[in-house]
Amino acid sequence: MEKLKKTERIAVLVKILSDSPNHIFTLGYFCDMFNAAKSTVSEDITAAKKLVEQMSLGIIETIPGAQGGVRYKPLTSEKKCLEFLHDLCIKLKDSSRIIPGSFIYMSDIMYNPVCCSRLGEIFASRFSDMGADYVVTIETKGIIPALMTARALNLPLVIARRDNRVTEGATISINYLSGSSRKIQTMSLSKRSIMEHSKVIVIDDFMKAGGTIKGLHDLMAEFKAEVVGTGVVVSTLEPRLKLIKDYYSLFILKDVDTIKKSIDIEIGI
């Protein structure tokens, strides 16, 4: 491979780091790739770090020691976070999203890779210092924002199922009370999914009374795992008394008026 110019090396370095958030790359990895000395690569990293921070694209962090290296953390600044959520809030207020049952159609947002990638980065920015080992969610619509959060944090994603599956092997199941429908439901998780005494972050797309998320918390207790953070994309204003207390909601849905055809939703953070 022919020698690359400094600007070319920096471009490649930023691309590789941003493609694998929170993954630690050794300096030797880039030295071999660029056929360059460690001092040269260190200078490239310093330049890339300055550029990324100036553009508020996150943080490039160097880790000292024999096991150290460099990693990219896609931390979203408060300003960029609010700008993105403001634009998304406008889309969510569109009255054409109202569907029977006073629900809001959100599938186009939940399944949009670019949008959910940003949501994941916002959650990751919030929970990056929690020392989590896993991101946990329940099927189905919460999977995408949870996956994007897991990607941004470089953590495994664990998905609780609403029924047992042969492919999961031995499972642990619990019954929980749905906070909105007041019905007893079941969720299960493979015994191989989570190591005991782990720390987990729970992510879901929507929360009304909090029954499902409370169920996830209870399921984690069966694994002796500690829930260090809980994030939801949208939570309802009512009921005000949720089954869980400590959670981070990007949006708060106040009301869906099917007669006036209006949606009252605001940024929650």
Protein backbone atom coordinates (compact mmCIF):
# COMPACT_ATOMS: atom_id res chain seq x y z
CA MET A 1 0.00 0.00 0.00
CA GLU A 2 1.38 3.37 -0.97
CA LYS A 3 1.97 6.01 1.69
CA LEU A 4 -1.05 8.11 2.51
CA LYS A 5 -0.99 11.83 3.10
CA LYS A 6 -1.78 13.13 6.59
CA THR A 7 -5.27 14.31 5.59
CA GLU A 8 -5.97 10.93 4.00
CA ARG A 9 -4.85 9.06 7.12
CA ILE A 10 -7.05 11.24 9.32
CA ALA A 11 -10.06 10.64 7.07
CA VAL A 12 -9.55 6.87 7.19
CA LEU A 13 -8.96 6.94 10.94
CA VAL A 14 -12.17 8.88 11.63
CA LYS A 15 -14.13 6.57 9.32
CA ILE A 16 -12.90 3.41 11.06
CA LEU A 17 -13.46 4.78 14.56
CA SER A 18 -16.94 6.12 13.81
CA ASP A 19 -17.97 2.83 12.19
CA SER A 20 -17.19 1.01 15.46
CA PRO A 21 -18.25 3.29 18.34
CA ASN A 22 -16.66 2.59 21.73
CA HIS A 23 -14.44 -0.13 20.26
CA ILE A 24 -10.82 0.23 21.37
CA PHE A 25 -8.29 0.11 18.54
CA THR A 26 -4.61 -0.19 19.41
CA LEU A 27 -2.13 2.26 17.97
CA GLY A 28 -0.40 -0.73 16.42
CA TYR A 29 -3.53 -1.46 14.39
CA PHE A 30 -3.26 1.91 12.64
CA CYS A 31 0.54 1.75 12.45
CA ASP A 32 0.28 -1.48 10.47
CA MET A 33 -2.55 -0.15 8.32
CA PHE A 34 -0.75 3.07 7.40
CA ASN A 35 2.78 1.63 7.56
CA ALA A 36 3.64 4.54 9.84
CA ALA A 37 5.44 5.13 13.13
CA LYS A 38 3.52 5.42 16.41
CA SER A 39 4.52 9.07 16.70
CA THR A 40 2.93 9.76 13.31
CA VAL A 41 -0.28 7.92 14.20
CA SER A 42 -0.42 9.75 17.54
CA GLU A 43 -0.27 13.07 15.72
CA ASP A 44 -3.05 11.93 13.38
CA ILE A 45 -5.21 10.94 16.34
CA THR A 46 -4.65 14.31 18.00
CA ALA A 47 -5.70 16.09 14.80
CA ALA A 48 -8.76 13.85 14.38
CA LYS A 49 -9.74 14.38 18.02
CA LYS A 50 -9.60 18.15 17.63
CA LEU A 51 -11.64 18.04 14.41
CA VAL A 52 -14.37 15.78 15.81
CA GLU A 53 -14.75 17.87 18.97
CA GLN A 54 -14.80 21.15 17.02
CA MET A 55 -17.67 19.85 14.90
CA SER A 56 -19.51 18.46 17.97
CA LEU A 57 -19.48 14.98 16.45
CA GLY A 58 -18.51 13.20 19.64
CA ILE A 59 -15.21 12.43 21.37
CA ILE A 60 -12.10 10.55 20.30
CA GLU A 61 -10.54 9.21 23.48
CA THR A 62 -7.04 7.85 23.98
CA ILE A 63 -6.58 5.14 26.60
CA PRO A 64 -3.09 4.77 28.13
CA GLY A 65 -1.41 1.55 29.16
CA ALA A 66 -0.50 -1.79 27.61
CA GLN A 67 -4.16 -2.57 26.90
CA GLY A 68 -4.91 0.95 25.75
CA GLY A 69 -5.51 2.54 22.39
CA VAL A 70 -8.06 4.87 20.91
CA ARG A 71 -11.86 4.84 20.62
CA TYR A 72 -14.68 7.03 19.36
CA LYS A 73 -17.60 7.89 21.65
CA PRO A 74 -20.61 9.27 19.72
CA LEU A 75 -21.68 11.71 22.41
CA THR A 76 -24.38 14.12 21.25
CA SER A 77 -24.12 17.70 22.51
CA GLU A 78 -27.16 19.13 24.26
CA LYS A 79 -27.66 21.66 21.46
CA LYS A 80 -27.63 19.06 18.66
CA CYS A 81 -29.77 16.74 20.74
CA LEU A 82 -32.46 19.38 21.24
CA GLU A 83 -32.35 20.42 17.58
CA PHE A 84 -32.91 16.84 16.44
CA LEU A 85 -35.67 16.17 18.97
CA HIS A 86 -37.39 19.44 18.09
CA ASP A 87 -37.55 18.46 14.41
CA LEU A 88 -38.79 14.99 15.33
CA CYS A 89 -41.39 16.46 17.67
CA ILE A 90 -42.86 18.44 14.79
CA LYS A 91 -43.25 15.22 12.79
CA LEU A 92 -44.92 13.49 15.73
CA LYS A 93 -47.47 16.29 16.03
CA ASP A 94 -48.78 15.64 12.53
CA SER A 95 -52.49 14.88 13.00
CA SER A 96 -52.40 12.33 10.18
CA ARG A 97 -50.52 10.06 12.61
CA ILE A 98 -53.65 9.53 14.75
CA ILE A 99 -54.95 5.99 14.38
CA PRO A 100 -57.97 4.25 15.97
CA GLY A 101 -57.71 3.84 19.74
CA SER A 102 -56.09 7.28 20.21
CA PHE A 103 -52.70 5.89 19.26
CA ILE A 104 -49.95 7.56 17.23
CA TYR A 105 -48.46 5.88 14.16
CA MET A 106 -44.70 5.78 14.80
CA SER A 107 -43.47 2.80 12.76
CA ASP A 108 -41.91 4.99 10.08
CA ILE A 109 -39.79 6.64 12.77
CA MET A 110 -39.00 3.49 14.77
CA TYR A 111 -37.85 1.67 11.62
CA ASN A 112 -35.91 4.55 10.08
CA PRO A 113 -32.19 3.64 10.43
CA VAL A 114 -30.91 7.22 10.39
CA CYS A 115 -33.50 8.45 12.88
CA CYS A 116 -33.05 5.52 15.25
CA SER A 117 -29.29 5.81 15.00
CA ARG A 118 -29.57 9.36 16.34
CA LEU A 119 -31.96 8.22 19.08
CA GLY A 120 -29.47 5.54 20.05
CA GLU A 121 -26.67 8.07 20.26
CA ILE A 122 -28.79 10.29 22.51
CA PHE A 123 -29.50 7.39 24.86
CA ALA A 124 -25.82 6.40 24.72
CA SER A 125 -24.79 9.94 25.66
CA ARG A 126 -27.09 9.75 28.68
CA PHE A 127 -25.92 6.32 29.87
CA SER A 128 -22.29 6.22 28.71
CA ASP A 129 -20.84 6.45 32.22
CA MET A 130 -23.07 3.80 33.82
CA GLY A 131 -20.63 0.93 33.24
CA ALA A 132 -23.32 -1.23 31.66
CA ASP A 133 -22.64 -4.69 30.28
CA TYR A 134 -25.83 -5.13 28.22
CA VAL A 135 -28.72 -3.23 26.64
CA VAL A 136 -32.05 -4.97 27.26
CA THR A 137 -35.43 -4.56 25.57
CA ILE A 138 -38.58 -6.54 24.81
CA GLU A 139 -39.85 -7.43 21.36
CA THR A 140 -40.82 -5.84 19.02
CA LYS A 141 -40.83 -2.09 18.31
CA GLY A 142 -38.30 -1.33 21.00
CA ILE A 143 -35.70 -3.52 19.30
CA ILE A 144 -34.44 -0.93 16.80
CA PRO A 145 -33.78 1.99 19.22
CA ALA A 146 -32.32 -0.51 21.69
CA LEU A 147 -30.06 -1.97 18.99
CA MET A 148 -28.82 1.49 18.00
CA THR A 149 -28.14 2.30 21.65
CA ALA A 150 -26.23 -0.96 22.00
CA ARG A 151 -24.22 -0.16 18.88
CA ALA A 152 -23.33 3.32 20.12
CA LEU A 153 -22.19 1.87 23.46
CA ASN A 154 -20.56 -1.22 21.87
CA LEU A 155 -22.64 -3.51 24.10
CA PRO A 156 -24.55 -6.74 23.39
CA LEU A 157 -28.31 -6.40 22.87
CA VAL A 158 -30.56 -8.77 24.81
CA ILE A 159 -34.21 -9.20 23.75
CA ALA A 160 -36.84 -10.57 26.11
CA ARG A 161 -39.51 -12.62 24.33
CA ARG A 162 -43.24 -12.68 24.97
CA ASP A 163 -43.22 -16.46 24.54
CA ASN A 164 -40.68 -19.26 24.83
CA ARG A 165 -38.77 -20.35 21.74
CA VAL A 166 -36.97 -23.64 21.21
CA THR A 167 -33.96 -21.81 19.79
CA GLU A 168 -33.47 -19.93 23.08
CA GLY A 169 -32.71 -23.08 25.10
CA ALA A 170 -33.48 -23.01 28.83
CA THR A 171 -35.25 -19.80 29.79
CA ILE A 172 -36.38 -17.83 32.81
CA SER A 173 -39.96 -16.56 32.55
CA ILE A 174 -41.96 -14.17 34.69
CA ASN A 175 -45.54 -12.97 34.71
CA TYR A 176 -46.13 -9.24 34.90
CA LEU A 177 -49.12 -6.94 35.06
CA SER A 178 -49.52 -4.63 32.08
CA GLY A 179 -49.96 -1.16 33.51
CA SER A 180 -52.32 -0.01 30.74
CA SER A 181 -54.46 -3.09 29.99
CA ARG A 182 -54.22 -4.52 33.53
CA LYS A 183 -53.73 -7.97 32.02
CA ILE A 184 -51.29 -10.62 33.17
CA GLN A 185 -48.65 -11.20 30.51
CA THR A 186 -45.47 -13.23 30.25
CA MET A 187 -41.91 -12.47 29.19
CA SER A 188 -38.97 -14.85 29.02
CA LEU A 189 -35.24 -14.71 28.50
CA SER A 190 -32.63 -17.36 27.77
CA LYS A 191 -30.46 -18.26 30.76
CA ARG A 192 -27.44 -17.78 28.50
CA SER A 193 -28.33 -14.19 27.64
CA ILE A 194 -26.98 -12.39 30.69
CA MET A 195 -24.26 -13.17 33.20
CA GLU A 196 -25.28 -12.87 36.82
CA HIS A 197 -24.45 -9.61 38.64
CA SER A 198 -24.23 -7.69 35.35
CA LYS A 199 -25.27 -4.07 34.85
CA VAL A 200 -27.91 -3.40 32.21
CA ILE A 201 -29.65 -0.52 30.47
CA VAL A 202 -33.32 -0.98 29.59
CA ILE A 203 -34.57 0.71 26.38
CA ASP A 204 -38.11 0.69 24.96
CA ASP A 205 -40.09 2.67 22.41
CA PHE A 206 -43.22 3.54 24.41
CA MET A 207 -44.36 3.64 28.01
CA LYS A 208 -47.80 4.37 29.43
CA ALA A 209 -48.10 3.08 32.99
CA GLY A 210 -44.74 1.30 32.96
CA GLY A 211 -45.92 -2.30 33.42
CA THR A 212 -43.74 -3.77 30.67
CA ILE A 213 -40.61 -1.96 31.79
CA LYS A 214 -41.32 -2.90 35.40
CA GLY A 215 -41.55 -6.48 34.14
CA LEU A 216 -38.13 -6.13 32.51
CA HIS A 217 -36.71 -4.79 35.76
CA ASP A 218 -38.18 -7.78 37.62
CA LEU A 219 -36.79 -10.17 35.00
CA MET A 220 -33.33 -8.65 35.46
CA ALA A 221 -33.63 -9.28 39.19
CA GLU A 222 -33.99 -12.98 38.40
CA PHE A 223 -30.53 -12.79 36.83
CA LYS A 224 -29.23 -10.80 39.83
CA ALA A 225 -28.55 -8.01 37.32
CA GLU A 226 -28.62 -4.33 38.21
CA VAL A 227 -30.61 -1.92 36.03
CA VAL A 228 -28.41 1.19 35.87
CA GLY A 229 -30.53 3.15 33.39
CA THR A 230 -33.93 3.10 31.72
CA GLY A 231 -34.77 5.01 28.55
CA VAL A 232 -37.96 5.30 26.50
CA VAL A 233 -38.59 7.16 23.28
CA VAL A 234 -42.12 8.29 24.24
CA SER A 235 -43.91 8.19 27.60
CA THR A 236 -47.44 9.38 28.30
CA LEU A 237 -48.22 12.14 30.76
CA GLU A 238 -51.04 10.08 32.24
CA PRO A 239 -51.06 8.17 34.44
CA ARG A 240 -48.64 10.39 36.31
CA LEU A 241 -47.89 7.64 38.81
CA LYS A 242 -45.83 5.11 36.84
CA LEU A 243 -44.86 1.64 38.00
CA ILE A 244 -41.22 2.73 37.73
CA LYS A 245 -39.80 6.02 38.99
CA ASP A 246 -36.36 6.56 37.53
CA TYR A 247 -36.47 6.74 33.74
CA TYR A 248 -35.32 8.98 30.88
CA SER A 249 -37.96 9.87 28.28
CA LEU A 250 -37.17 11.70 25.06
CA PHE A 251 -40.79 12.76 24.50
CA ILE A 252 -43.86 13.15 26.70
CA LEU A 253 -47.24 12.53 25.08
CA LYS A 254 -49.81 14.72 26.83
CA ASP A 255 -52.93 14.10 24.78
CA VAL A 256 -54.32 12.72 21.53
CA ASP A 257 -57.58 14.48 20.67
CA THR A 258 -59.39 12.42 18.05
CA ILE A 259 -62.17 15.02 17.72
CA LYS A 260 -59.95 18.05 17.16
CA LYS A 261 -57.41 15.89 15.33
CA SER A 262 -54.51 17.17 17.39
CA ILE A 263 -51.51 15.61 19.12
CA ASP A 264 -50.03 17.32 22.17
CA ILE A 265 -46.46 16.07 22.58
CA GLU A 266 -43.32 17.76 23.80
CA ILE A 267 -39.62 17.08 24.35
CA GLY A 268 -39.17 15.29 27.65
CA ILE A 269 -35.52 15.93 28.47
